[in-house]
Amino acid sequence: METLLKELLPPLQGSVKCSSVILKSPTKPRKYQSALKDTHCLSCPPADMKFSTAMRRKLTSSSSLSKHENGDRDYIGFATLPEQVHRKSVKRGFDFTLMVVGESGLGKSTLINSLFLSDLYKDRKIPEVNDRVTKTTTIERKTMDIEERGVKLRLTVVDTPGFGDSLNCEDSWRACSNYIDEQFRQYFTDESGLNRKNIVDNRVHCCLYFIPPYGHGLRQLDIELMKQIQHKVNIVPIIGKADTLTEPEMKRLKKRIMADIQEHNIQIYQFPECDSDEDEDFKRQDKELKECIPFAVIGSHNIFEVGGRKVRGRQYPWGIVEVENPKHSDFNKLRNMLITTHMQDLKDVTEDVYYENFRVQCISQISQQAIRERGKLKRDSVAQIDGIISETDKLLLQKDEEIRRMQDMLSQMQEKLKASSRSSNSIYSDSQTPTEFDGKKKDGIINV
């Protein structure tokens, strides 16, 4: 600070005393005599002194640096870690995959376009009635990049046209469940590979399941699908076309749906509990979100002018139903939950719970397969050893058979020799001793 002011201020005559510094000037120019009326230190210049923009910037940075160096000596610097993570996350961008399941005509496409202010289904063609008789559930995936205030979001919307449209809906849930498993398997393969830098996350983070408003609760089709995917994805139940019901009818339908969910032990997305340090507004908002499940929503592309302001809604002969009016629809609450407050929690639950369960199953299957292959190799090796032992036993049996045959031959030869020795004794009586000796010798040799 002193060095900067020395560069800025010209030399002054006399002594300017202060507790921090004393500046002595050898000369006394006339135009700076007025500056000596008040005593100022070098770190506290007069208030009427004007600085340039660059000089003011230098003074500000120097003062803040001296504050950290002198005033706050316990400052380390790791308090800027959230800012570093924020900059890196914003630069990388975010991914979010949303699956929409429900019968045709419940306003799924309109709601998605209303949520993200876009038109994802420009070229969609509505099938004829005859085509729906044998139509099966298919998967359509659309990806779009959204940017808001410098934050980039890669949004993937997975639609399931044909769900519940055919006469036989027993296997309608299978296409949805298989798609979720395929995305988990693809992510597991990419995560286990060598190149893990550019992994694309296409795992389904949330499933909006649309329930028709004309029923008396959950149907068997709804229960079956929820049970099949409840351990794979976050399920958020939605009542489509909420403008077809009055407010009392809507309350009764919500109670019936929640009673059916509890009766069949269906696991839907559970909102996390608020921390004790959260403000009262956030706690109140979280409580209202929990009470609104299932969300009764309305979607529309049309814009009308009501009371001097433009709103999106649906026009009827008796009036206009506003999409974003909390008295008419839960659209704002669903959008706040899905995008503003709980998007990251949906991704965390998918990562820490559902994907972890799938990953554990894959690892256990791989280990079991390795154990089975190891046991098979062990059995094959034992069989080979058994084959070798059996061949050896065969050779030993053959050798034993040959030894027995040789012993039989030797015994026959011994009998013949004995018979010949008796006949020779009768003919050659004079040579009895050598003959007996020779016979005994031969018998000894044979016995050996």
Protein backbone atom coordinates (compact mmCIF):
# COMPACT_ATOMS: atom_id res chain seq x y z
CA MET A 1 0.00 0.00 0.00
CA GLU A 2 2.78 2.42 0.91
CA THR A 3 4.66 1.68 -2.31
CA LEU A 4 1.59 2.33 -4.43
CA LEU A 5 0.87 5.65 -2.73
CA LYS A 6 4.49 6.70 -3.05
CA GLU A 7 4.19 6.11 -6.77
CA LEU A 8 0.89 8.00 -6.89
CA LEU A 9 1.53 11.00 -4.60
CA PRO A 10 4.17 13.60 -5.48
CA PRO A 11 6.72 14.46 -2.76
CA LEU A 12 5.34 16.79 -0.07
CA GLN A 13 7.24 19.41 1.96
CA GLY A 14 7.57 18.95 5.66
CA SER A 15 6.61 16.05 7.79
CA VAL A 16 3.23 14.36 7.65
CA LYS A 17 3.00 12.45 10.91
CA CYS A 18 0.91 9.37 11.42
CA SER A 19 0.97 6.35 13.66
CA SER A 20 1.97 4.11 10.79
CA VAL A 21 4.47 6.04 8.68
CA ILE A 22 6.33 9.40 8.47
CA LEU A 23 7.04 10.88 5.04
CA LYS A 24 9.64 13.64 4.70
CA SER A 25 9.93 15.68 1.52
CA PRO A 26 12.93 17.87 0.66
CA THR A 27 10.98 20.36 -1.43
CA LYS A 28 7.86 22.43 -0.92
CA PRO A 29 5.95 23.06 -4.18
CA ARG A 30 3.27 25.78 -3.94
CA LYS A 31 0.50 23.76 -5.45
CA TYR A 32 0.76 21.05 -2.79
CA GLN A 33 0.75 23.38 0.24
CA SER A 34 -2.98 22.79 0.70
CA ALA A 35 -2.32 19.11 1.16
CA LEU A 36 -0.41 19.86 4.37
CA LYS A 37 -3.38 21.39 6.14
CA ASP A 38 -4.60 17.95 7.19
CA THR A 39 -2.36 15.15 8.34
CA HIS A 40 -2.93 11.85 6.57
CA CYS A 41 -0.95 8.63 6.62
CA LEU A 42 0.03 6.88 3.42
CA SER A 43 -2.57 4.18 3.93
CA CYS A 44 -5.33 6.79 4.52
CA PRO A 45 -5.14 9.39 1.69
CA PRO A 46 -7.44 12.43 1.62
CA ALA A 47 -11.06 11.77 0.74
CA ASP A 48 -11.07 14.22 -2.18
CA MET A 49 -8.15 12.53 -3.88
CA LYS A 50 -9.12 10.90 -7.20
CA PHE A 51 -7.58 7.69 -8.54
CA SER A 52 -7.69 6.11 -11.95
CA THR A 53 -9.59 2.84 -12.55
CA ALA A 54 -6.42 0.75 -12.82
CA MET A 55 -4.97 2.36 -9.70
CA ARG A 56 -8.19 1.82 -7.74
CA ARG A 57 -8.16 -1.85 -8.77
CA LYS A 58 -4.58 -2.20 -7.55
CA LEU A 59 -5.41 -0.56 -4.24
CA THR A 60 -8.44 -2.80 -3.71
CA SER A 61 -6.57 -6.03 -4.43
CA SER A 62 -3.67 -4.94 -2.29
CA SER A 63 -5.93 -4.10 0.65
CA SER A 64 -7.78 -7.44 0.41
CA LEU A 65 -4.50 -9.32 0.23
CA SER A 66 -3.13 -7.51 3.24
CA LYS A 67 -6.37 -8.30 5.07
CA HIS A 68 -5.90 -12.05 4.52
CA GLU A 69 -2.21 -11.80 5.38
CA ASN A 70 -2.56 -9.72 8.52
CA GLY A 71 -6.18 -9.70 9.70
CA ASP A 72 -7.26 -13.33 9.12
CA ARG A 73 -4.26 -15.50 9.78
CA ASP A 74 -6.37 -18.70 10.16
CA TYR A 75 -7.51 -18.56 6.53
CA ILE A 76 -6.28 -21.64 4.59
CA GLY A 77 -8.23 -21.49 1.34
CA PHE A 78 -10.20 -24.73 1.03
CA ALA A 79 -13.43 -22.78 1.52
CA THR A 80 -13.36 -22.20 -2.25
CA LEU A 81 -13.84 -25.91 -2.99
CA PRO A 82 -17.61 -25.55 -3.64
CA GLU A 83 -16.83 -22.84 -6.18
CA GLN A 84 -14.30 -25.10 -7.90
CA VAL A 85 -16.81 -27.97 -8.05
CA HIS A 86 -19.47 -25.57 -9.33
CA ARG A 87 -17.26 -24.28 -12.14
CA LYS A 88 -16.26 -27.78 -13.16
CA SER A 89 -19.84 -29.06 -13.08
CA VAL A 90 -21.14 -26.14 -15.12
CA LYS A 91 -18.39 -26.62 -17.67
CA ARG A 92 -19.11 -30.36 -17.98
CA GLY A 93 -22.90 -30.04 -17.99
CA PHE A 94 -25.57 -32.31 -16.56
CA ASP A 95 -27.50 -35.37 -17.78
CA PHE A 96 -31.04 -36.36 -16.94
CA THR A 97 -33.16 -39.18 -18.37
CA LEU A 98 -36.91 -39.18 -17.93
CA MET A 99 -39.19 -42.08 -18.85
CA VAL A 100 -42.88 -41.44 -19.56
CA VAL A 101 -45.24 -44.44 -19.37
CA GLY A 102 -48.99 -44.53 -19.83
CA GLU A 103 -51.82 -45.11 -22.24
CA SER A 104 -52.23 -43.01 -25.34
CA GLY A 105 -54.33 -39.88 -24.99
CA LEU A 106 -53.43 -39.01 -21.38
CA GLY A 107 -51.35 -35.94 -22.30
CA LYS A 108 -47.83 -37.35 -21.86
CA SER A 109 -46.25 -35.56 -24.83
CA THR A 110 -48.06 -32.31 -24.04
CA LEU A 111 -46.86 -32.38 -20.44
CA ILE A 112 -43.23 -32.93 -21.47
CA ASN A 113 -43.40 -30.04 -23.92
CA SER A 114 -44.94 -27.86 -21.22
CA LEU A 115 -42.31 -28.80 -18.65
CA PHE A 116 -39.30 -28.00 -20.81
CA LEU A 117 -40.87 -25.35 -23.10
CA SER A 118 -40.05 -27.26 -26.26
CA ASP A 119 -41.66 -29.39 -28.95
CA LEU A 120 -40.19 -32.88 -28.92
CA TYR A 121 -42.93 -34.58 -30.91
CA LYS A 122 -43.34 -32.57 -34.08
CA ASP A 123 -43.46 -35.51 -36.47
CA ARG A 124 -45.48 -37.95 -34.38
CA LYS A 125 -48.39 -39.69 -36.11
CA ILE A 126 -51.35 -41.01 -34.13
CA PRO A 127 -52.08 -44.65 -35.14
CA GLU A 128 -55.49 -45.75 -36.30
CA VAL A 129 -57.83 -47.85 -34.18
CA ASN A 130 -57.21 -50.99 -36.26
CA ASP A 131 -53.48 -50.66 -35.74
CA ARG A 132 -53.87 -50.58 -31.96
CA VAL A 133 -55.46 -54.02 -31.76
CA THR A 134 -52.20 -55.91 -32.17
CA LYS A 135 -49.82 -53.07 -31.32
CA THR A 136 -47.01 -53.84 -28.88
CA THR A 137 -45.08 -51.53 -26.58
CA THR A 138 -42.13 -49.85 -28.27
CA ILE A 139 -39.41 -47.51 -27.03
CA GLU A 140 -38.78 -44.05 -28.47
CA ARG A 141 -35.90 -41.97 -27.16
CA LYS A 142 -35.40 -38.29 -27.89
CA THR A 143 -32.46 -36.21 -26.70
CA MET A 144 -32.19 -32.45 -26.58
CA ASP A 145 -29.69 -29.95 -25.15
CA ILE A 146 -31.09 -27.16 -22.98
CA GLU A 147 -29.12 -24.19 -21.69
CA GLU A 148 -30.33 -21.80 -19.01
CA ARG A 149 -28.14 -19.06 -17.49
CA GLY A 150 -24.98 -20.78 -18.64
CA VAL A 151 -25.98 -24.20 -17.25
CA LYS A 152 -26.23 -26.96 -19.87
CA LEU A 153 -28.61 -29.90 -19.48
CA ARG A 154 -28.68 -32.94 -21.75
CA LEU A 155 -32.28 -34.10 -21.44
CA THR A 156 -33.33 -37.56 -22.67
CA VAL A 157 -37.03 -38.36 -22.78
CA VAL A 158 -37.99 -42.04 -23.20
CA ASP A 159 -41.53 -42.56 -24.42
CA THR A 160 -43.41 -45.87 -24.60
CA PRO A 161 -46.00 -45.66 -27.41
CA GLY A 162 -48.34 -48.62 -27.53
CA PHE A 163 -48.37 -49.24 -23.78
CA GLY A 164 -51.81 -50.52 -22.77
CA ASP A 165 -53.29 -49.99 -26.25
CA SER A 166 -53.59 -53.63 -27.34
CA LEU A 167 -56.26 -56.08 -26.23
CA ASN A 168 -53.72 -58.32 -24.49
CA CYS A 169 -51.65 -56.17 -22.11
CA GLU A 170 -50.01 -58.94 -20.09
CA ASP A 171 -46.48 -58.22 -21.33
CA SER A 172 -46.75 -54.45 -21.76
CA TRP A 173 -44.42 -53.88 -18.84
CA ARG A 174 -41.66 -56.09 -20.26
CA ALA A 175 -40.38 -53.55 -22.79
CA CYS A 176 -40.02 -50.87 -20.08
CA SER A 177 -38.25 -53.20 -17.66
CA ASN A 178 -35.90 -54.55 -20.35
CA TYR A 179 -34.94 -51.02 -21.44
CA ILE A 180 -34.03 -50.01 -17.88
CA ASP A 181 -31.92 -53.16 -17.47
CA GLU A 182 -30.18 -52.56 -20.80
CA GLN A 183 -29.14 -49.04 -19.79
CA PHE A 184 -27.83 -50.32 -16.46
CA ARG A 185 -25.92 -53.08 -18.24
CA GLN A 186 -24.46 -50.67 -20.79
CA TYR A 187 -23.29 -48.31 -18.05
CA PHE A 188 -21.79 -51.22 -16.11
CA THR A 189 -19.90 -52.36 -19.22
CA ASP A 190 -18.59 -48.84 -19.90
CA GLU A 191 -17.63 -48.38 -16.27
CA SER A 192 -15.71 -51.66 -16.25
CA GLY A 193 -13.86 -50.86 -19.49
CA LEU A 194 -10.48 -49.28 -20.05
CA ASN A 195 -11.66 -45.88 -21.29
CA ARG A 196 -13.87 -44.34 -18.62
CA LYS A 197 -13.49 -40.65 -19.50
CA ASN A 198 -16.34 -40.28 -21.98
CA ILE A 199 -19.04 -42.44 -20.38
CA VAL A 200 -22.54 -41.40 -21.46
CA ASP A 201 -25.10 -41.81 -18.68
CA ASN A 202 -28.38 -43.02 -20.22
CA ARG A 203 -29.73 -44.62 -17.03
CA VAL A 204 -33.36 -43.80 -16.34
CA HIS A 205 -33.47 -41.44 -13.35
CA CYS A 206 -37.23 -40.99 -13.08
CA CYS A 207 -40.38 -42.63 -14.45
CA LEU A 208 -43.57 -40.59 -14.73
CA TYR A 209 -46.40 -43.11 -14.73
CA PHE A 210 -49.69 -41.70 -15.99
CA ILE A 211 -52.90 -42.98 -14.43
CA PRO A 212 -56.20 -42.34 -16.26
CA PRO A 213 -58.64 -40.04 -14.43
CA TYR A 214 -61.72 -42.05 -15.33
CA GLY A 215 -60.92 -45.06 -13.12
CA HIS A 216 -61.60 -45.80 -9.47
CA GLY A 217 -57.99 -46.32 -8.47
CA LEU A 218 -55.18 -48.48 -9.85
CA ARG A 219 -55.93 -51.10 -12.48
CA GLN A 220 -54.26 -54.50 -12.72
CA LEU A 221 -52.08 -53.18 -15.55
CA ASP A 222 -50.87 -50.29 -13.38
CA ILE A 223 -50.13 -52.55 -10.42
CA GLU A 224 -48.23 -55.07 -12.53
CA LEU A 225 -45.97 -52.49 -14.15
CA MET A 226 -45.20 -50.70 -10.89
CA LYS A 227 -44.29 -53.96 -9.19
CA GLN A 228 -41.97 -54.95 -12.03
CA ILE A 229 -39.98 -51.68 -12.10
CA GLN A 230 -40.26 -50.49 -8.48
CA HIS A 231 -36.74 -51.76 -7.64
CA LYS A 232 -35.17 -50.31 -10.78
CA VAL A 233 -36.30 -46.69 -11.10
CA ASN A 234 -37.92 -43.82 -9.19
CA ILE A 235 -41.67 -43.96 -9.87
CA VAL A 236 -43.69 -40.75 -9.69
CA PRO A 237 -47.45 -41.37 -10.21
CA ILE A 238 -49.27 -38.79 -12.33
CA ILE A 239 -53.01 -38.31 -12.91
CA GLY A 240 -53.40 -37.10 -16.49
CA LYS A 241 -56.14 -34.83 -17.79
CA ALA A 242 -56.92 -33.49 -14.33
CA ASP A 243 -59.31 -30.93 -15.81
CA THR A 244 -61.89 -33.69 -16.35
CA LEU A 245 -62.48 -34.00 -12.59
CA THR A 246 -63.85 -31.67 -10.01
CA GLU A 247 -61.87 -30.86 -6.87
CA PRO A 248 -63.76 -33.31 -4.59
CA GLU A 249 -63.48 -36.07 -7.21
CA MET A 250 -59.76 -35.41 -7.51
CA LYS A 251 -59.25 -35.72 -3.75
CA ARG A 252 -61.16 -39.02 -3.62
CA LEU A 253 -59.17 -40.43 -6.55
CA LYS A 254 -55.86 -39.49 -4.94
CA LYS A 255 -56.85 -41.22 -1.70
CA ARG A 256 -57.87 -44.39 -3.57
CA ILE A 257 -54.62 -44.48 -5.55
CA MET A 258 -52.49 -44.06 -2.42
CA ALA A 259 -54.53 -46.74 -0.64
CA ASP A 260 -53.95 -49.16 -3.55
CA ILE A 261 -50.22 -48.38 -3.51
CA GLN A 262 -49.99 -49.17 0.20
CA GLU A 263 -52.17 -52.26 -0.11
CA HIS A 264 -49.98 -53.83 -2.82
CA ASN A 265 -46.70 -52.68 -1.19
CA ILE A 266 -45.63 -50.68 -4.23
CA GLN A 267 -42.51 -48.61 -3.73
CA ILE A 268 -42.70 -45.13 -5.25
CA TYR A 269 -40.26 -42.23 -4.98
CA GLN A 270 -39.91 -41.09 -1.37
CA PHE A 271 -39.02 -37.47 -0.75
CA PRO A 272 -35.98 -37.04 1.50
CA GLU A 273 -36.51 -35.60 4.94
CA CYS A 274 -35.60 -31.96 5.45
CA ASP A 275 -32.54 -31.13 7.51
CA SER A 276 -32.93 -29.26 10.77
CA ASP A 277 -31.04 -26.24 9.41
CA GLU A 278 -33.40 -25.73 6.45
CA ASP A 279 -35.54 -22.62 6.40
CA GLU A 280 -39.26 -22.69 7.04
CA ASP A 281 -40.22 -21.96 3.43
CA PHE A 282 -38.36 -24.99 2.16
CA LYS A 283 -39.92 -27.21 4.83
CA ARG A 284 -43.39 -25.95 3.96
CA GLN A 285 -42.76 -26.52 0.25
CA ASP A 286 -41.50 -30.04 0.89
CA LYS A 287 -44.58 -30.83 2.98
CA GLU A 288 -46.88 -29.61 0.21
CA LEU A 289 -45.07 -31.76 -2.35
CA LYS A 290 -45.51 -34.86 -0.21
CA GLU A 291 -49.20 -34.17 0.20
CA CYS A 292 -49.75 -33.69 -3.55
CA ILE A 293 -48.74 -37.23 -4.59
CA PRO A 294 -50.03 -38.38 -7.03
CA PHE A 295 -49.73 -35.14 -9.00
CA ALA A 296 -52.84 -34.11 -10.93
CA VAL A 297 -51.56 -32.19 -13.97
CA ILE A 298 -52.73 -30.44 -17.11
CA GLY A 299 -50.64 -29.71 -20.18
CA SER A 300 -51.22 -27.29 -23.05
CA HIS A 301 -49.44 -25.46 -25.87
CA ASN A 302 -52.04 -22.74 -26.27
CA ILE A 303 -51.51 -19.28 -24.78
CA PHE A 304 -54.42 -17.06 -23.75
CA GLU A 305 -54.69 -13.63 -22.23
CA VAL A 306 -56.43 -13.57 -18.87
CA GLY A 307 -56.65 -10.40 -16.81
CA GLY A 308 -54.00 -8.62 -18.83
CA ARG A 309 -51.45 -11.44 -18.60
CA LYS A 310 -50.64 -14.31 -20.93
CA VAL A 311 -51.09 -17.83 -19.58
CA ARG A 312 -50.97 -21.34 -20.96
CA GLY A 313 -54.19 -23.24 -20.65
CA ARG A 314 -57.20 -24.93 -22.19
CA GLN A 315 -60.28 -23.03 -23.24
CA TYR A 316 -63.77 -24.37 -22.59
CA PRO A 317 -67.19 -22.80 -23.08
CA TRP A 318 -67.37 -22.02 -19.34
CA GLY A 319 -63.86 -20.57 -19.04
CA ILE A 320 -60.11 -21.18 -19.28
CA VAL A 321 -58.21 -23.79 -17.27
CA GLU A 322 -54.74 -22.45 -16.50
CA VAL A 323 -51.85 -24.91 -16.54
CA GLU A 324 -49.73 -23.05 -13.98
CA ASN A 325 -52.58 -22.10 -11.66
CA PRO A 326 -52.19 -24.11 -8.39
CA LYS A 327 -55.99 -24.11 -7.96
CA HIS A 328 -56.43 -25.88 -11.31
CA SER A 329 -53.41 -28.19 -11.52
CA ASP A 330 -50.32 -29.47 -9.70
CA PHE A 331 -48.15 -28.59 -12.69
CA ASN A 332 -45.99 -26.03 -10.86
CA LYS A 333 -45.36 -28.41 -7.96
CA LEU A 334 -44.39 -31.23 -10.30
CA ARG A 335 -42.02 -28.95 -12.22
CA ASN A 336 -40.43 -27.63 -9.03
CA MET A 337 -39.97 -31.15 -7.69
CA LEU A 338 -38.66 -32.60 -10.94
CA ILE A 339 -36.34 -29.79 -12.01
CA THR A 340 -35.79 -27.19 -9.30
CA THR A 341 -35.49 -29.06 -6.00
CA HIS A 342 -35.18 -32.86 -6.40
CA MET A 343 -33.47 -33.54 -9.74
CA GLN A 344 -30.11 -34.23 -8.11
CA ASP A 345 -31.73 -36.42 -5.45
CA LEU A 346 -33.38 -38.50 -8.18
CA LYS A 347 -29.98 -39.02 -9.77
CA ASP A 348 -28.37 -39.87 -6.43
CA VAL A 349 -31.02 -42.48 -5.59
CA THR A 350 -30.57 -44.03 -9.03
CA GLU A 351 -26.80 -44.15 -8.57
CA ASP A 352 -26.61 -45.24 -4.93
CA VAL A 353 -29.61 -47.60 -4.69
CA TYR A 354 -30.95 -48.98 -7.96
CA TYR A 355 -27.72 -49.11 -9.94
CA GLU A 356 -25.79 -50.45 -6.94
CA ASN A 357 -28.29 -53.31 -6.60
CA PHE A 358 -27.93 -54.11 -10.29
CA ARG A 359 -24.15 -53.92 -10.03
CA VAL A 360 -24.10 -56.29 -7.04
CA GLN A 361 -26.25 -58.78 -8.98
CA CYS A 362 -23.93 -58.62 -11.99
CA ILE A 363 -20.83 -59.14 -9.85
CA SER A 364 -22.43 -62.05 -8.01
CA GLN A 365 -23.45 -63.67 -11.30
CA ILE A 366 -19.92 -63.26 -12.66
CA SER A 367 -18.41 -64.78 -9.51
CA GLN A 368 -20.87 -67.69 -9.55
CA GLN A 369 -20.11 -68.35 -13.19
CA ALA A 370 -16.39 -68.32 -12.41
CA ILE A 371 -16.95 -70.80 -9.57
CA ARG A 372 -18.95 -73.07 -11.87
CA GLU A 373 -16.26 -72.96 -14.54
CA ARG A 374 -13.60 -73.67 -11.92
CA GLY A 375 -15.59 -76.67 -10.64
CA LYS A 376 -16.05 -77.92 -14.20
CA LEU A 377 -12.31 -77.70 -14.85
CA LYS A 378 -11.68 -79.54 -11.59
CA ARG A 379 -14.10 -82.30 -12.54
CA ASP A 380 -12.51 -82.62 -15.97
CA SER A 381 -9.06 -82.88 -14.43
CA VAL A 382 -10.27 -85.52 -11.96
CA ALA A 383 -11.84 -87.48 -14.82
CA GLN A 384 -8.57 -87.32 -16.73
CA ILE A 385 -6.70 -88.58 -13.67
CA ASP A 386 -9.25 -91.37 -13.30
CA GLY A 387 -8.67 -92.29 -16.92
CA ILE A 388 -4.93 -92.43 -16.37
CA ILE A 389 -5.34 -94.64 -13.28
CA SER A 390 -7.60 -97.04 -15.13
CA GLU A 391 -5.05 -97.45 -17.93
CA THR A 392 -2.35 -98.15 -15.37
CA ASP A 393 -4.56 -100.68 -13.66
CA LYS A 394 -5.09 -102.39 -16.98
CA LEU A 395 -1.35 -102.64 -17.57
CA LEU A 396 -0.83 -104.01 -14.07
CA LEU A 397 -3.53 -106.62 -14.62
CA GLN A 398 -1.90 -107.67 -17.87
CA LYS A 399 1.47 -108.01 -16.17
CA ASP A 400 -0.08 -110.06 -13.37
CA GLU A 401 -1.70 -112.34 -15.96
CA GLU A 402 1.64 -112.84 -17.73
CA ILE A 403 3.36 -113.64 -14.42
CA ARG A 404 0.70 -116.24 -13.63
CA ARG A 405 1.16 -117.83 -17.05
CA MET A 406 4.93 -117.98 -16.56
CA GLN A 407 4.46 -119.53 -13.15
CA ASP A 408 2.21 -122.22 -14.67
CA MET A 409 4.78 -122.92 -17.35
CA LEU A 410 7.51 -123.18 -14.76
CA SER A 411 5.44 -125.60 -12.68
CA GLN A 412 4.83 -127.78 -15.74
CA MET A 413 8.52 -127.80 -16.57
CA GLN A 414 9.27 -128.77 -12.98
CA GLU A 415 6.91 -131.73 -13.19
CA LYS A 416 8.48 -132.85 -16.42
CA LEU A 417 11.94 -132.59 -14.95
CA LYS A 418 10.89 -134.65 -11.94
CA ALA A 419 9.42 -137.32 -14.20
CA SER A 420 12.53 -137.48 -16.30
CA SER A 421 14.71 -137.72 -13.20
CA ARG A 422 12.78 -140.78 -11.99
CA SER A 423 13.21 -142.57 -15.30
CA SER A 424 16.90 -141.79 -15.36
CA ASN A 425 17.31 -143.22 -11.84
CA SER A 426 15.97 -146.57 -12.93
CA ILE A 427 18.25 -146.73 -15.98
CA TYR A 428 21.41 -145.34 -14.50
CA SER A 429 21.56 -146.71 -11.02
CA ASP A 430 25.31 -146.24 -10.81
CA SER A 431 25.14 -142.50 -11.18
CA GLN A 432 22.49 -141.96 -8.55
CA THR A 433 24.35 -139.36 -6.49
CA PRO A 434 25.26 -136.99 -9.34
CA THR A 435 21.76 -137.43 -10.77
CA GLU A 436 20.12 -136.64 -7.46
CA PHE A 437 22.50 -133.75 -7.03
CA ASP A 438 21.66 -132.46 -10.45
CA GLY A 439 17.94 -132.93 -9.80
CA LYS A 440 18.19 -131.11 -6.50
CA LYS A 441 20.18 -128.36 -8.20
CA LYS A 442 17.58 -128.01 -10.92
CA ASP A 443 14.82 -127.99 -8.34
CA GLY A 444 16.62 -125.28 -6.45
CA ILE A 445 17.02 -123.25 -9.62
CA ILE A 446 13.39 -123.65 -10.48
CA ASN A 447 12.33 -122.70 -6.96
CA VAL A 448 14.49 -119.62 -7.13
